[in-house]
Amino acid sequence: MFDEAGGVDRIDLSLTTSSMTPIPGPNPEDPPLGWEFHQVVDLEVHIGSTVYLAQEPSIFRVRPDPDDLGPNGETLWEIHEWYDLSPAQRGGTRSEEASWGTVKAMFL
């Protein structure tokens, strides 16, 4: 996104958690494998004088990063799955024409 071909000048992202649910392990006594976050997304991608907005609710599933640790040995988390909520899942209304996925797809 930030190379010369992408032309992105700035990205502003705000995520507000509306709910957080553990992803259970295979056995009830196992610790959670990760977490599912329902997020209110406010994403702005600035390209010159054009601003792309994405303000659709999304779900992000995170898990511990198996390949990396933080500088002090702490667990780092990675988003391993995410998707935008469908109109039915968000009450049948659409606040904007763009979603996180739509804006991301522009730069793949």
C-alpha atoms as a PDB file:
ATOM      1  CA  MET A   1       0.000   0.000   0.000  1.00  0.00           C
ATOM      2  CA  PHE A   2       2.819   2.405   0.798  1.00  0.00           C
ATOM      3  CA  ASP A   3       5.075   1.751  -2.181  1.00  0.00           C
ATOM      4  CA  GLU A   4       4.998   4.068  -5.196  1.00  0.00           C
ATOM      5  CA  ALA A   5       2.462   1.870  -7.014  1.00  0.00           C
ATOM      6  CA  GLY A   6       0.005   1.993  -4.096  1.00  0.00           C
ATOM      7  CA  GLY A   7       0.122   5.747  -3.718  1.00  0.00           C
ATOM      8  CA  VAL A   8      -1.272   5.744  -0.177  1.00  0.00           C
ATOM      9  CA  ASP A   9      -0.354   8.881   1.749  1.00  0.00           C
ATOM     10  CA  ARG A  10      -1.866   8.027   5.121  1.00  0.00           C
ATOM     11  CA  ILE A  11      -4.050   5.472   6.891  1.00  0.00           C
ATOM     12  CA  ASP A  12      -6.132   6.295   9.960  1.00  0.00           C
ATOM     13  CA  LEU A  13      -7.649   3.320  11.767  1.00  0.00           C
ATOM     14  CA  SER A  14      -9.759   3.170  14.877  1.00  0.00           C
ATOM     15  CA  LEU A  15     -11.125  -0.132  16.194  1.00  0.00           C
ATOM     16  CA  THR A  16     -13.652  -0.158  19.024  1.00  0.00           C
ATOM     17  CA  THR A  17     -14.377  -3.533  20.608  1.00  0.00           C
ATOM     18  CA  SER A  18     -18.079  -4.220  20.997  1.00  0.00           C
ATOM     19  CA  SER A  19     -17.570  -7.782  22.276  1.00  0.00           C
ATOM     20  CA  MET A  20     -14.766 -10.236  22.990  1.00  0.00           C
ATOM     21  CA  THR A  21     -15.265 -14.015  23.159  1.00  0.00           C
ATOM     22  CA  PRO A  22     -12.679 -16.737  23.878  1.00  0.00           C
ATOM     23  CA  ILE A  23     -12.206 -19.434  21.231  1.00  0.00           C
ATOM     24  CA  PRO A  24     -12.336 -22.654  23.267  1.00  0.00           C
ATOM     25  CA  GLY A  25      -9.725 -25.388  23.061  1.00  0.00           C
ATOM     26  CA  PRO A  26     -10.631 -28.988  22.193  1.00  0.00           C
ATOM     27  CA  ASN A  27     -11.126 -29.891  25.883  1.00  0.00           C
ATOM     28  CA  PRO A  28     -13.103 -27.851  28.401  1.00  0.00           C
ATOM     29  CA  GLU A  29     -10.082 -27.554  30.730  1.00  0.00           C
ATOM     30  CA  ASP A  30      -7.809 -26.216  27.932  1.00  0.00           C
ATOM     31  CA  PRO A  31      -6.996 -22.510  27.812  1.00  0.00           C
ATOM     32  CA  PRO A  32      -8.579 -20.521  24.975  1.00  0.00           C
ATOM     33  CA  LEU A  33      -6.926 -21.004  21.579  1.00  0.00           C
ATOM     34  CA  GLY A  34      -7.510 -17.342  20.828  1.00  0.00           C
ATOM     35  CA  TRP A  35     -10.138 -14.624  20.927  1.00  0.00           C
ATOM     36  CA  GLU A  36     -12.897 -13.363  18.666  1.00  0.00           C
ATOM     37  CA  PHE A  37     -13.337  -9.589  18.674  1.00  0.00           C
ATOM     38  CA  HIS A  38     -16.392  -7.869  17.251  1.00  0.00           C
ATOM     39  CA  GLN A  39     -15.084  -4.475  16.208  1.00  0.00           C
ATOM     40  CA  VAL A  40     -16.608  -1.206  15.104  1.00  0.00           C
ATOM     41  CA  VAL A  41     -14.213  -0.171  12.326  1.00  0.00           C
ATOM     42  CA  ASP A  42     -13.411   3.395  11.342  1.00  0.00           C
ATOM     43  CA  LEU A  43     -10.814   3.226   8.558  1.00  0.00           C
ATOM     44  CA  GLU A  44      -9.663   6.099   6.353  1.00  0.00           C
ATOM     45  CA  VAL A  45      -7.209   5.572   3.487  1.00  0.00           C
ATOM     46  CA  HIS A  46      -5.876   8.872   2.103  1.00  0.00           C
ATOM     47  CA  ILE A  47      -4.627   8.952  -1.499  1.00  0.00           C
ATOM     48  CA  GLY A  48      -3.996  12.508  -2.590  1.00  0.00           C
ATOM     49  CA  SER A  49      -7.261  14.415  -2.146  1.00  0.00           C
ATOM     50  CA  THR A  50      -9.338  11.189  -2.134  1.00  0.00           C
ATOM     51  CA  VAL A  51     -10.315   9.532   1.153  1.00  0.00           C
ATOM     52  CA  TYR A  52     -11.706   5.987   1.186  1.00  0.00           C
ATOM     53  CA  LEU A  53     -13.857   5.236   4.219  1.00  0.00           C
ATOM     54  CA  ALA A  54     -14.694   1.853   5.695  1.00  0.00           C
ATOM     55  CA  GLN A  55     -17.050   1.894   8.628  1.00  0.00           C
ATOM     56  CA  GLU A  56     -18.666  -1.530   8.643  1.00  0.00           C
ATOM     57  CA  PRO A  57     -18.548  -3.777  11.707  1.00  0.00           C
ATOM     58  CA  SER A  58     -16.062  -6.650  11.426  1.00  0.00           C
ATOM     59  CA  ILE A  59     -14.978  -9.751  13.310  1.00  0.00           C
ATOM     60  CA  PHE A  60     -11.301 -10.433  13.977  1.00  0.00           C
ATOM     61  CA  ARG A  61     -10.078 -13.778  15.306  1.00  0.00           C
ATOM     62  CA  VAL A  62      -6.672 -13.588  16.941  1.00  0.00           C
ATOM     63  CA  ARG A  63      -4.309 -16.254  18.246  1.00  0.00           C
ATOM     64  CA  PRO A  64      -0.792 -16.324  19.676  1.00  0.00           C
ATOM     65  CA  ASP A  65       1.847 -15.896  16.975  1.00  0.00           C
ATOM     66  CA  PRO A  66       3.668 -19.264  16.856  1.00  0.00           C
ATOM     67  CA  ASP A  67       6.723 -17.774  15.140  1.00  0.00           C
ATOM     68  CA  ASP A  68       7.556 -14.686  17.165  1.00  0.00           C
ATOM     69  CA  LEU A  69       7.865 -13.298  20.682  1.00  0.00           C
ATOM     70  CA  GLY A  70       8.003  -9.715  21.881  1.00  0.00           C
ATOM     71  CA  PRO A  71      11.290  -8.070  22.930  1.00  0.00           C
ATOM     72  CA  ASN A  72      10.791  -9.204  26.531  1.00  0.00           C
ATOM     73  CA  GLY A  73       9.617 -12.715  25.646  1.00  0.00           C
ATOM     74  CA  GLU A  74       5.940 -11.801  25.795  1.00  0.00           C
ATOM     75  CA  THR A  75       3.350 -13.452  23.567  1.00  0.00           C
ATOM     76  CA  LEU A  76       2.520 -11.602  20.372  1.00  0.00           C
ATOM     77  CA  TRP A  77      -0.896 -12.022  18.777  1.00  0.00           C
ATOM     78  CA  GLU A  78      -1.805 -12.280  15.109  1.00  0.00           C
ATOM     79  CA  ILE A  79      -5.057 -11.865  13.233  1.00  0.00           C
ATOM     80  CA  HIS A  80      -5.582 -15.256  11.636  1.00  0.00           C
ATOM     81  CA  GLU A  81      -9.101 -14.691  10.350  1.00  0.00           C
ATOM     82  CA  TRP A  82     -11.305 -11.676   9.798  1.00  0.00           C
ATOM     83  CA  TYR A  83     -14.460 -10.836   7.946  1.00  0.00           C
ATOM     84  CA  ASP A  84     -16.960  -8.041   7.575  1.00  0.00           C
ATOM     85  CA  LEU A  85     -20.353  -8.639   9.125  1.00  0.00           C
ATOM     86  CA  SER A  86     -23.175  -9.302   6.668  1.00  0.00           C
ATOM     87  CA  PRO A  87     -26.197  -6.964   6.563  1.00  0.00           C
ATOM     88  CA  ALA A  88     -28.218  -9.556   8.517  1.00  0.00           C
ATOM     89  CA  GLN A  89     -25.533  -9.778  11.241  1.00  0.00           C
ATOM     90  CA  ARG A  90     -25.464  -6.010  11.694  1.00  0.00           C
ATOM     91  CA  GLY A  91     -29.241  -5.521  11.727  1.00  0.00           C
ATOM     92  CA  GLY A  92     -29.900  -5.241   7.993  1.00  0.00           C
ATOM     93  CA  THR A  93     -28.568  -1.705   7.580  1.00  0.00           C
ATOM     94  CA  ARG A  94     -25.554  -0.463   5.691  1.00  0.00           C
ATOM     95  CA  SER A  95     -23.930   2.743   6.883  1.00  0.00           C
ATOM     96  CA  GLU A  96     -21.307   3.049   4.105  1.00  0.00           C
ATOM     97  CA  GLU A  97     -20.617   1.602   0.688  1.00  0.00           C
ATOM     98  CA  ALA A  98     -17.175   0.331   1.710  1.00  0.00           C
ATOM     99  CA  SER A  99     -16.004  -2.249   4.196  1.00  0.00           C
ATOM    100  CA  TRP A 100     -12.598  -3.222   5.589  1.00  0.00           C
ATOM    101  CA  GLY A 101     -12.455  -6.020   2.989  1.00  0.00           C
ATOM    102  CA  THR A 102     -13.411  -3.719   0.118  1.00  0.00           C
ATOM    103  CA  VAL A 103     -10.694  -1.209   0.923  1.00  0.00           C
ATOM    104  CA  LYS A 104      -8.105  -3.973   1.495  1.00  0.00           C
ATOM    105  CA  ALA A 105      -8.961  -5.607  -1.838  1.00  0.00           C
ATOM    106  CA  MET A 106      -8.007  -2.391  -3.634  1.00  0.00           C
ATOM    107  CA  PHE A 107      -4.360  -2.963  -2.658  1.00  0.00           C
ATOM    108  CA  LEU A 108      -3.943  -6.726  -3.160  1.00  0.00           C
END
